[in-house]
Amino acid sequence: MIIVASYKQLKDAQNAIENLNKTKPTIYKKFINIIKLTRRMQYGYQYMGSLIMGEIQPMSSEDYVASVYQREVEKLRADAKFYELREMLNTHKQLSYVNISKLALGENPTALVGPSTIRS
């Protein structure tokens, strides 16, 4: 899938992420931890976002590592403040979960402007 992200869209998403950090720091920290775990396990951010949002089913949990990852995602989804994260992700999902994740990790929005290809 090809997406095109404008600076304004990316800046709006960055502001929403910063607002989540200020108003709901616990769910923000859990989200950052899932992003870092996703990167560490070399899963895709798009897969992570789709899994968090319930858009796809998890990969086979027969593998211990995959089952640990799925448990962590489920802990995030079970948090009482998850609706705040879900709303933010849903509002900005046209940018892709990849770009949202990169913004959450501190990447500059100007580096993400323009077209990019997202693999599911």
Protein backbone atom coordinates (compact mmCIF):
# COMPACT_ATOMS: atom_id res chain seq x y z
CA MET A 1 0.00 0.00 0.00
CA ILE A 2 1.31 3.46 -0.86
CA ILE A 3 0.60 6.32 1.51
CA VAL A 4 1.46 9.98 1.21
CA ALA A 5 1.99 11.92 4.41
CA SER A 6 1.96 15.70 4.55
CA TYR A 7 3.92 17.69 7.11
CA LYS A 8 0.68 18.99 8.66
CA GLN A 9 -0.73 15.48 9.09
CA LEU A 10 2.51 14.26 10.63
CA LYS A 11 2.76 17.29 12.92
CA ASP A 12 -0.85 16.77 14.05
CA ALA A 13 -0.07 13.14 14.84
CA GLN A 14 3.09 14.14 16.71
CA ASN A 15 1.08 16.62 18.78
CA ALA A 16 -1.51 13.93 19.55
CA ILE A 17 1.25 11.57 20.70
CA GLU A 18 2.77 14.29 22.90
CA ASN A 19 -0.68 15.05 24.31
CA LEU A 20 -1.18 11.36 25.12
CA ASN A 21 2.16 11.39 26.92
CA LYS A 22 1.14 14.43 29.00
CA THR A 23 -2.41 13.37 29.81
CA LYS A 24 -2.12 9.56 29.99
CA PRO A 25 1.55 8.77 30.69
CA THR A 26 0.97 5.15 31.72
CA ILE A 27 -0.75 4.09 28.48
CA TYR A 28 1.80 6.14 26.52
CA LYS A 29 4.68 4.29 28.23
CA LYS A 30 3.06 0.91 27.51
CA PHE A 31 2.63 1.94 23.87
CA ILE A 32 6.30 2.96 23.61
CA ASN A 33 7.32 -0.34 25.20
CA ILE A 34 5.28 -2.28 22.62
CA ILE A 35 6.86 -0.24 19.81
CA LYS A 36 10.35 -1.00 21.15
CA LEU A 37 9.49 -4.68 21.60
CA THR A 38 8.17 -4.77 18.04
CA ARG A 39 11.40 -3.28 16.72
CA ARG A 40 13.52 -5.62 18.87
CA MET A 41 11.65 -8.68 17.64
CA GLN A 42 11.86 -7.41 14.06
CA TYR A 43 8.11 -7.44 13.56
CA GLY A 44 6.61 -4.71 11.41
CA TYR A 45 5.05 -1.61 12.93
CA GLN A 46 2.09 -2.02 10.58
CA TYR A 47 1.53 -5.53 11.96
CA MET A 48 1.81 -4.16 15.50
CA GLY A 49 -0.73 -1.40 14.90
CA SER A 50 -3.15 -3.76 13.18
CA LEU A 51 -2.82 -6.21 16.06
CA ILE A 52 -3.35 -3.49 18.68
CA MET A 53 -6.42 -2.21 16.86
CA GLY A 54 -7.86 -5.72 16.41
CA GLU A 55 -7.79 -5.46 12.62
CA ILE A 56 -5.96 -8.79 12.23
CA GLN A 57 -5.50 -12.02 14.13
CA PRO A 58 -2.13 -12.68 15.76
CA MET A 59 0.43 -14.94 14.15
CA SER A 60 0.62 -18.50 15.43
CA SER A 61 1.25 -18.46 19.15
CA GLU A 62 2.90 -21.89 19.12
CA ASP A 63 6.24 -20.07 19.12
CA TYR A 64 7.15 -18.95 22.66
CA VAL A 65 8.50 -15.57 21.52
CA ALA A 66 5.35 -14.82 19.52
CA SER A 67 3.19 -15.78 22.51
CA VAL A 68 5.13 -13.38 24.77
CA TYR A 69 4.62 -10.59 22.23
CA GLN A 70 0.90 -11.32 21.99
CA ARG A 71 0.59 -11.31 25.78
CA GLU A 72 2.20 -7.88 25.95
CA VAL A 73 -0.15 -6.54 23.29
CA GLU A 74 -3.11 -7.99 25.20
CA LYS A 75 -1.92 -6.28 28.40
CA LEU A 76 -1.91 -2.99 26.51
CA ARG A 77 -5.40 -3.63 25.13
CA ALA A 78 -6.66 -4.54 28.63
CA ASP A 79 -5.53 -1.23 30.16
CA ALA A 80 -8.39 0.98 31.35
CA LYS A 81 -6.96 3.92 29.37
CA PHE A 82 -6.58 1.93 26.14
CA TYR A 83 -9.51 3.79 24.59
CA GLU A 84 -7.37 6.97 24.56
CA LEU A 85 -4.61 5.23 22.60
CA ARG A 86 -7.13 3.56 20.31
CA GLU A 87 -8.76 6.91 19.54
CA MET A 88 -5.40 8.51 18.73
CA LEU A 89 -4.36 5.60 16.49
CA ASN A 90 -7.72 5.56 14.74
CA THR A 91 -7.62 9.33 14.12
CA HIS A 92 -4.19 9.17 12.48
CA LYS A 93 -4.15 5.69 10.94
CA GLN A 94 -4.23 7.10 7.38
CA LEU A 95 -0.57 8.01 8.05
CA SER A 96 0.17 4.32 8.75
CA TYR A 97 1.12 2.70 12.01
CA VAL A 98 4.71 2.80 10.75
CA ASN A 99 4.81 6.60 10.69
CA ILE A 100 2.92 6.88 13.99
CA SER A 101 5.43 4.53 15.62
CA LYS A 102 8.39 6.45 14.24
CA LEU A 103 6.92 9.72 15.49
CA ALA A 104 6.35 8.18 18.92
CA LEU A 105 10.01 7.14 18.99
CA GLY A 106 11.01 10.75 18.31
CA GLU A 107 11.62 10.85 14.56
CA ASN A 108 11.30 14.30 13.02
CA PRO A 109 8.10 14.71 10.96
CA THR A 110 10.05 16.31 8.10
CA ALA A 111 11.91 13.02 7.60
CA LEU A 112 8.60 11.21 7.04
CA VAL A 113 6.96 13.63 4.58
CA GLY A 114 6.06 12.25 1.17
CA PRO A 115 5.11 8.91 -0.31
CA SER A 116 6.09 5.61 1.26
CA THR A 117 5.24 1.98 0.73
CA ILE A 118 3.74 0.10 3.64
CA ARG A 119 3.74 -3.68 3.77
CA SER A 120 0.99 -5.35 5.74
